[in-house]
Amino acid sequence: MNQDQSRFLDAQSPYTLFLILILLILGTEKDLENHLENARNFILETKRSIESFRVGYETMQTNLMSFHAQLMNLQK
């Protein structure tokens, strides 16, 4: 086992504690698949919303730059 792998198995590592928490939840929750599916859908929709917002912002910025260039041409 290399040094990186042994670090993940360290008892003080947050990754190990997170893995233990997930395993405990998997062992006790009967409807976990539905909860994980809902969380996955929420994350995917949030990602799509952020991407749409970014595209809209970039389009607005491009339009503002074009408008500014047209204003500069009118002033000449």
PDB file of N, CA and C in Angstrom:
ATOM      1  N   MET A   1       0.852  -1.168   0.000  1.00  0.00           N
ATOM      2  CA  MET A   1       0.000   0.000   0.000  1.00  0.00           C
ATOM      3  C   MET A   1       0.903   1.237   0.000  1.00  0.00           C
ATOM      4  N   ASN A   2       0.630   2.178  -0.901  1.00  0.00           N
ATOM      5  CA  ASN A   2       1.465   3.370  -0.938  1.00  0.00           C
ATOM      6  C   ASN A   2       1.039   4.363   0.142  1.00  0.00           C
ATOM      7  N   GLN A   3       1.785   5.450   0.232  1.00  0.00           N
ATOM      8  CA  GLN A   3       1.565   6.419   1.311  1.00  0.00           C
ATOM      9  C   GLN A   3       0.200   7.093   1.214  1.00  0.00           C
ATOM     10  N   ASP A   4      -0.260   7.403  -0.006  1.00  0.00           N
ATOM     11  CA  ASP A   4      -1.568   8.050  -0.166  1.00  0.00           C
ATOM     12  C   ASP A   4      -2.702   7.148   0.305  1.00  0.00           C
ATOM     13  N   GLN A   5      -2.615   5.866  -0.044  1.00  0.00           N
ATOM     14  CA  GLN A   5      -3.670   4.941   0.365  1.00  0.00           C
ATOM     15  C   GLN A   5      -3.705   4.750   1.869  1.00  0.00           C
ATOM     16  N   SER A   6      -2.548   4.680   2.505  1.00  0.00           N
ATOM     17  CA  SER A   6      -2.533   4.507   3.957  1.00  0.00           C
ATOM     18  C   SER A   6      -3.047   5.759   4.661  1.00  0.00           C
ATOM     19  N   ARG A   7      -2.878   6.929   4.055  1.00  0.00           N
ATOM     20  CA  ARG A   7      -3.383   8.162   4.642  1.00  0.00           C
ATOM     21  C   ARG A   7      -4.909   8.157   4.698  1.00  0.00           C
ATOM     22  N   PHE A   8      -5.572   7.570   3.692  1.00  0.00           N
ATOM     23  CA  PHE A   8      -7.030   7.524   3.679  1.00  0.00           C
ATOM     24  C   PHE A   8      -7.580   6.574   4.739  1.00  0.00           C
ATOM     25  N   LEU A   9      -6.792   5.619   5.166  1.00  0.00           N
ATOM     26  CA  LEU A   9      -7.243   4.687   6.189  1.00  0.00           C
ATOM     27  C   LEU A   9      -6.886   5.151   7.595  1.00  0.00           C
ATOM     28  N   ASP A  10      -6.262   6.297   7.713  1.00  0.00           N
ATOM     29  CA  ASP A  10      -5.912   6.855   9.009  1.00  0.00           C
ATOM     30  C   ASP A  10      -7.177   7.163   9.793  1.00  0.00           C
ATOM     31  N   ALA A  11      -7.193   6.810  11.059  1.00  0.00           N
ATOM     32  CA  ALA A  11      -8.387   7.006  11.886  1.00  0.00           C
ATOM     33  C   ALA A  11      -8.739   8.477  12.051  1.00  0.00           C
ATOM     34  N   GLN A  12      -7.779   9.369  11.938  1.00  0.00           N
ATOM     35  CA  GLN A  12      -8.027  10.798  12.097  1.00  0.00           C
ATOM     36  C   GLN A  12      -8.370  11.490  10.780  1.00  0.00           C
ATOM     37  N   SER A  13      -8.313  10.765   9.687  1.00  0.00           N
ATOM     38  CA  SER A  13      -8.603  11.346   8.383  1.00  0.00           C
ATOM     39  C   SER A  13     -10.096  11.618   8.234  1.00  0.00           C
ATOM     40  N   PRO A  14     -10.470  12.788   7.730  1.00  0.00           N
ATOM     41  CA  PRO A  14     -11.906  13.058   7.526  1.00  0.00           C
ATOM     42  C   PRO A  14     -12.525  12.124   6.487  1.00  0.00           C
ATOM     43  N   TYR A  15     -11.720  11.613   5.552  1.00  0.00           N
ATOM     44  CA  TYR A  15     -12.247  10.682   4.557  1.00  0.00           C
ATOM     45  C   TYR A  15     -12.684   9.375   5.215  1.00  0.00           C
ATOM     46  N   THR A  16     -11.886   8.905   6.162  1.00  0.00           N
ATOM     47  CA  THR A  16     -12.228   7.672   6.864  1.00  0.00           C
ATOM     48  C   THR A  16     -13.488   7.864   7.689  1.00  0.00           C
ATOM     49  N   LEU A  17     -13.595   8.983   8.373  1.00  0.00           N
ATOM     50  CA  LEU A  17     -14.788   9.245   9.178  1.00  0.00           C
ATOM     51  C   LEU A  17     -16.022   9.371   8.296  1.00  0.00           C
ATOM     52  N   PHE A  18     -15.869   9.999   7.129  1.00  0.00           N
ATOM     53  CA  PHE A  18     -16.986  10.120   6.193  1.00  0.00           C
ATOM     54  C   PHE A  18     -17.396   8.743   5.675  1.00  0.00           C
ATOM     55  N   LEU A  19     -16.426   7.899   5.359  1.00  0.00           N
ATOM     56  CA  LEU A  19     -16.721   6.551   4.880  1.00  0.00           C
ATOM     57  C   LEU A  19     -17.455   5.742   5.946  1.00  0.00           C
ATOM     58  N   ILE A  20     -17.027   5.862   7.190  1.00  0.00           N
ATOM     59  CA  ILE A  20     -17.704   5.159   8.280  1.00  0.00           C
ATOM     60  C   ILE A  20     -19.149   5.649   8.402  1.00  0.00           C
ATOM     61  N   LEU A  21     -19.348   6.959   8.312  1.00  0.00           N
ATOM     62  CA  LEU A  21     -20.704   7.508   8.387  1.00  0.00           C
ATOM     63  C   LEU A  21     -21.576   6.967   7.264  1.00  0.00           C
ATOM     64  N   ILE A  22     -21.066   6.956   6.055  1.00  0.00           N
ATOM     65  CA  ILE A  22     -21.837   6.433   4.917  1.00  0.00           C
ATOM     66  C   ILE A  22     -22.163   4.960   5.116  1.00  0.00           C
ATOM     67  N   LEU A  23     -21.199   4.183   5.586  1.00  0.00           N
ATOM     68  CA  LEU A  23     -21.456   2.760   5.813  1.00  0.00           C
ATOM     69  C   LEU A  23     -22.509   2.547   6.900  1.00  0.00           C
ATOM     70  N   LEU A  24     -22.475   3.360   7.945  1.00  0.00           N
ATOM     71  CA  LEU A  24     -23.504   3.254   8.991  1.00  0.00           C
ATOM     72  C   LEU A  24     -24.881   3.597   8.445  1.00  0.00           C
ATOM     73  N   ILE A  25     -24.949   4.628   7.617  1.00  0.00           N
ATOM     74  CA  ILE A  25     -26.232   5.006   7.014  1.00  0.00           C
ATOM     75  C   ILE A  25     -26.731   3.902   6.094  1.00  0.00           C
ATOM     76  N   LEU A  26     -25.829   3.338   5.297  1.00  0.00           N
ATOM     77  CA  LEU A  26     -26.226   2.254   4.397  1.00  0.00           C
ATOM     78  C   LEU A  26     -26.759   1.058   5.179  1.00  0.00           C
ATOM     79  N   GLY A  27     -26.188   0.819   6.327  1.00  0.00           N
ATOM     80  CA  GLY A  27     -26.602  -0.328   7.121  1.00  0.00           C
ATOM     81  C   GLY A  27     -27.917  -0.126   7.847  1.00  0.00           C
ATOM     82  N   THR A  28     -28.317   1.105   8.094  1.00  0.00           N
ATOM     83  CA  THR A  28     -29.515   1.335   8.886  1.00  0.00           C
ATOM     84  C   THR A  28     -30.697   1.880   8.093  1.00  0.00           C
ATOM     85  N   GLU A  29     -30.461   2.542   7.011  1.00  0.00           N
ATOM     86  CA  GLU A  29     -31.529   3.193   6.243  1.00  0.00           C
ATOM     87  C   GLU A  29     -32.102   2.236   5.205  1.00  0.00           C
ATOM     88  N   LYS A  30     -33.409   1.985   5.283  1.00  0.00           N
ATOM     89  CA  LYS A  30     -34.051   1.072   4.334  1.00  0.00           C
ATOM     90  C   LYS A  30     -34.354   1.742   3.005  1.00  0.00           C
ATOM     91  N   ASP A  31     -34.624   3.029   3.039  1.00  0.00           N
ATOM     92  CA  ASP A  31     -35.031   3.754   1.838  1.00  0.00           C
ATOM     93  C   ASP A  31     -33.900   4.628   1.309  1.00  0.00           C
ATOM     94  N   LEU A  32     -32.665   4.207   1.548  1.00  0.00           N
ATOM     95  CA  LEU A  32     -31.511   5.034   1.220  1.00  0.00           C
ATOM     96  C   LEU A  32     -31.392   5.300  -0.280  1.00  0.00           C
ATOM     97  N   GLU A  33     -31.706   4.311  -1.104  1.00  0.00           N
ATOM     98  CA  GLU A  33     -31.570   4.492  -2.544  1.00  0.00           C
ATOM     99  C   GLU A  33     -32.424   5.655  -3.042  1.00  0.00           C
ATOM    100  N   ASN A  34     -33.631   5.765  -2.511  1.00  0.00           N
ATOM    101  CA  ASN A  34     -34.505   6.874  -2.912  1.00  0.00           C
ATOM    102  C   ASN A  34     -33.941   8.208  -2.464  1.00  0.00           C
ATOM    103  N   HIS A  35     -33.410   8.260  -1.248  1.00  0.00           N
ATOM    104  CA  HIS A  35     -32.813   9.502  -0.754  1.00  0.00           C
ATOM    105  C   HIS A  35     -31.602   9.904  -1.593  1.00  0.00           C
ATOM    106  N   LEU A  36     -30.768   8.927  -1.925  1.00  0.00           N
ATOM    107  CA  LEU A  36     -29.595   9.224  -2.748  1.00  0.00           C
ATOM    108  C   LEU A  36     -29.992   9.658  -4.152  1.00  0.00           C
ATOM    109  N   GLU A  37     -31.025   9.037  -4.689  1.00  0.00           N
ATOM    110  CA  GLU A  37     -31.517   9.425  -6.016  1.00  0.00           C
ATOM    111  C   GLU A  37     -32.058  10.851  -5.996  1.00  0.00           C
ATOM    112  N   ASN A  38     -32.788  11.205  -4.951  1.00  0.00           N
ATOM    113  CA  ASN A  38     -33.287  12.574  -4.813  1.00  0.00           C
ATOM    114  C   ASN A  38     -32.152  13.568  -4.674  1.00  0.00           C
ATOM    115  N   ALA A  39     -31.144  13.218  -3.882  1.00  0.00           N
ATOM    116  CA  ALA A  39     -29.980  14.096  -3.728  1.00  0.00           C
ATOM    117  C   ALA A  39     -29.240  14.241  -5.048  1.00  0.00           C
ATOM    118  N   ARG A  40     -29.096  13.141  -5.783  1.00  0.00           N
ATOM    119  CA  ARG A  40     -28.434  13.177  -7.090  1.00  0.00           C
ATOM    120  C   ARG A  40     -29.191  14.082  -8.066  1.00  0.00           C
ATOM    121  N   ASN A  41     -30.512  13.943  -8.108  1.00  0.00           N
ATOM    122  CA  ASN A  41     -31.324  14.773  -8.992  1.00  0.00           C
ATOM    123  C   ASN A  41     -31.221  16.246  -8.620  1.00  0.00           C
ATOM    124  N   PHE A  42     -31.240  16.521  -7.319  1.00  0.00           N
ATOM    125  CA  PHE A  42     -31.110  17.908  -6.855  1.00  0.00           C
ATOM    126  C   PHE A  42     -29.767  18.502  -7.292  1.00  0.00           C
ATOM    127  N   ILE A  43     -28.711  17.740  -7.125  1.00  0.00           N
ATOM    128  CA  ILE A  43     -27.378  18.228  -7.509  1.00  0.00           C
ATOM    129  C   ILE A  43     -27.288  18.439  -9.012  1.00  0.00           C
ATOM    130  N   LEU A  44     -27.819  17.513  -9.792  1.00  0.00           N
ATOM    131  CA  LEU A  44     -27.783  17.661 -11.251  1.00  0.00           C
ATOM    132  C   LEU A  44     -28.579  18.870 -11.719  1.00  0.00           C
ATOM    133  N   GLU A  45     -29.765  19.084 -11.130  1.00  0.00           N
ATOM    134  CA  GLU A  45     -30.571  20.239 -11.521  1.00  0.00           C
ATOM    135  C   GLU A  45     -29.914  21.543 -11.095  1.00  0.00           C
ATOM    136  N   THR A  46     -29.261  21.541  -9.950  1.00  0.00           N
ATOM    137  CA  THR A  46     -28.522  22.728  -9.517  1.00  0.00           C
ATOM    138  C   THR A  46     -27.385  23.018 -10.482  1.00  0.00           C
ATOM    139  N   LYS A  47     -26.693  21.977 -10.907  1.00  0.00           N
ATOM    140  CA  LYS A  47     -25.606  22.130 -11.880  1.00  0.00           C
ATOM    141  C   LYS A  47     -26.136  22.711 -13.186  1.00  0.00           C
ATOM    142  N   ARG A  48     -27.250  22.191 -13.664  1.00  0.00           N
ATOM    143  CA  ARG A  48     -27.835  22.706 -14.911  1.00  0.00           C
ATOM    144  C   ARG A  48     -28.254  24.165 -14.762  1.00  0.00           C
ATOM    145  N   SER A  49     -28.802  24.512 -13.619  1.00  0.00           N
ATOM    146  CA  SER A  49     -29.213  25.901 -13.386  1.00  0.00           C
ATOM    147  C   SER A  49     -28.006  26.837 -13.391  1.00  0.00           C
ATOM    148  N   ILE A  50     -26.943  26.418 -12.749  1.00  0.00           N
ATOM    149  CA  ILE A  50     -25.727  27.241 -12.720  1.00  0.00           C
ATOM    150  C   ILE A  50     -25.145  27.384 -14.115  1.00  0.00           C
ATOM    151  N   GLU A  51     -25.149  26.299 -14.882  1.00  0.00           N
ATOM    152  CA  GLU A  51     -24.652  26.376 -16.262  1.00  0.00           C
ATOM    153  C   GLU A  51     -25.499  27.335 -17.083  1.00  0.00           C
ATOM    154  N   SER A  52     -26.818  27.269 -16.920  1.00  0.00           N
ATOM    155  CA  SER A  52     -27.711  28.179 -17.652  1.00  0.00           C
ATOM    156  C   SER A  52     -27.467  29.623 -17.250  1.00  0.00           C
ATOM    157  N   PHE A  53     -27.291  29.847 -15.965  1.00  0.00           N
ATOM    158  CA  PHE A  53     -27.005  31.199 -15.481  1.00  0.00           C
ATOM    159  C   PHE A  53     -25.693  31.711 -16.076  1.00  0.00           C
ATOM    160  N   ARG A  54     -24.673  30.847 -16.118  1.00  0.00           N
ATOM    161  CA  ARG A  54     -23.376  31.242 -16.662  1.00  0.00           C
ATOM    162  C   ARG A  54     -23.485  31.587 -18.151  1.00  0.00           C
ATOM    163  N   VAL A  55     -24.217  30.767 -18.900  1.00  0.00           N
ATOM    164  CA  VAL A  55     -24.394  31.029 -20.330  1.00  0.00           C
ATOM    165  C   VAL A  55     -25.142  32.343 -20.529  1.00  0.00           C
ATOM    166  N   GLY A  56     -26.187  32.573 -19.732  1.00  0.00           N
ATOM    167  CA  GLY A  56     -26.938  33.820 -19.836  1.00  0.00           C
ATOM    168  C   GLY A  56     -26.084  35.027 -19.501  1.00  0.00           C
ATOM    169  N   TYR A  57     -25.260  34.908 -18.474  1.00  0.00           N
ATOM    170  CA  TYR A  57     -24.374  36.007 -18.089  1.00  0.00           C
ATOM    171  C   TYR A  57     -23.353  36.299 -19.187  1.00  0.00           C
ATOM    172  N   GLU A  58     -22.768  35.246 -19.762  1.00  0.00           N
ATOM    173  CA  GLU A  58     -21.791  35.436 -20.840  1.00  0.00           C
ATOM    174  C   GLU A  58     -22.445  36.061 -22.068  1.00  0.00           C
ATOM    175  N   THR A  59     -23.677  35.665 -22.382  1.00  0.00           N
ATOM    176  CA  THR A  59     -24.404  36.252 -23.507  1.00  0.00           C
ATOM    177  C   THR A  59     -24.689  37.724 -23.241  1.00  0.00           C
ATOM    178  N   MET A  60     -25.105  38.048 -22.026  1.00  0.00           N
ATOM    179  CA  MET A  60     -25.355  39.441 -21.678  1.00  0.00           C
ATOM    180  C   MET A  60     -24.065  40.261 -21.786  1.00  0.00           C
ATOM    181  N   GLN A  61     -22.965  39.709 -21.319  1.00  0.00           N
ATOM    182  CA  GLN A  61     -21.684  40.411 -21.391  1.00  0.00           C
ATOM    183  C   GLN A  61     -21.276  40.653 -22.848  1.00  0.00           C
ATOM    184  N   THR A  62     -21.476  39.666 -23.695  1.00  0.00           N
ATOM    185  CA  THR A  62     -21.157  39.814 -25.115  1.00  0.00           C
ATOM    186  C   THR A  62     -22.022  40.889 -25.752  1.00  0.00           C
ATOM    187  N   ASN A  63     -23.310  40.895 -25.424  1.00  0.00           N
ATOM    188  CA  ASN A  63     -24.220  41.906 -25.967  1.00  0.00           C
ATOM    189  C   ASN A  63     -23.852  43.302 -25.494  1.00  0.00           C
ATOM    190  N   LEU A  64     -23.449  43.427 -24.238  1.00  0.00           N
ATOM    191  CA  LEU A  64     -23.029  44.734 -23.734  1.00  0.00           C
ATOM    192  C   LEU A  64     -21.772  45.232 -24.435  1.00  0.00           C
ATOM    193  N   MET A  65     -20.840  44.325 -24.697  1.00  0.00           N
ATOM    194  CA  MET A  65     -19.612  44.711 -25.411  1.00  0.00           C
ATOM    195  C   MET A  65     -19.945  45.151 -26.843  1.00  0.00           C
ATOM    196  N   SER A  66     -20.866  44.459 -27.493  1.00  0.00           N
ATOM    197  CA  SER A  66     -21.283  44.818 -28.842  1.00  0.00           C
ATOM    198  C   SER A  66     -21.986  46.178 -28.841  1.00  0.00           C
ATOM    199  N   PHE A  67     -22.858  46.384 -27.863  1.00  0.00           N
ATOM    200  CA  PHE A  67     -23.548  47.654 -27.743  1.00  0.00           C
ATOM    201  C   PHE A  67     -22.563  48.794 -27.506  1.00  0.00           C
ATOM    202  N   HIS A  68     -21.579  48.557 -26.664  1.00  0.00           N
ATOM    203  CA  HIS A  68     -20.557  49.567 -26.391  1.00  0.00           C
ATOM    204  C   HIS A  68     -19.767  49.891 -27.659  1.00  0.00           C
ATOM    205  N   ALA A  69     -19.424  48.871 -28.433  1.00  0.00           N
ATOM    206  CA  ALA A  69     -18.685  49.096 -29.684  1.00  0.00           C
ATOM    207  C   ALA A  69     -19.526  49.914 -30.667  1.00  0.00           C
ATOM    208  N   GLN A  70     -20.823  49.632 -30.717  1.00  0.00           N
ATOM    209  CA  GLN A  70     -21.695  50.395 -31.612  1.00  0.00           C
ATOM    210  C   GLN A  70     -21.806  51.849 -31.160  1.00  0.00           C
ATOM    211  N   LEU A  71     -21.882  52.081 -29.867  1.00  0.00           N
ATOM    212  CA  LEU A  71     -21.914  53.445 -29.357  1.00  0.00           C
ATOM    213  C   LEU A  71     -20.638  54.199 -29.689  1.00  0.00           C
ATOM    214  N   MET A  72     -19.512  53.524 -29.584  1.00  0.00           N
ATOM    215  CA  MET A  72     -18.228  54.152 -29.911  1.00  0.00           C
ATOM    216  C   MET A  72     -18.168  54.507 -31.399  1.00  0.00           C
ATOM    217  N   ASN A  73     -18.723  53.660 -32.246  1.00  0.00           N
ATOM    218  CA  ASN A  73     -18.753  53.948 -33.694  1.00  0.00           C
ATOM    219  C   ASN A  73     -19.652  55.126 -34.002  1.00  0.00           C
ATOM    220  N   LEU A  74     -20.743  55.284 -33.254  1.00  0.00           N
ATOM    221  CA  LEU A  74     -21.647  56.426 -33.486  1.00  0.00           C
ATOM    222  C   LEU A  74     -20.996  57.751 -33.096  1.00  0.00           C
ATOM    223  N   GLN A  75     -20.117  57.710 -32.131  1.00  0.00           N
ATOM    224  CA  GLN A  75     -19.458  58.937 -31.655  1.00  0.00           C
ATOM    225  C   GLN A  75     -18.393  59.427 -32.628  1.00  0.00           C
ATOM    226  N   LYS A  76     -17.942  58.603 -33.526  1.00  0.00           N
ATOM    227  CA  LYS A  76     -16.891  59.011 -34.488  1.00  0.00           C
ATOM    228  C   LYS A  76     -17.415  59.896 -35.569  1.00  0.00           C
TER     229      LYS A  76
END
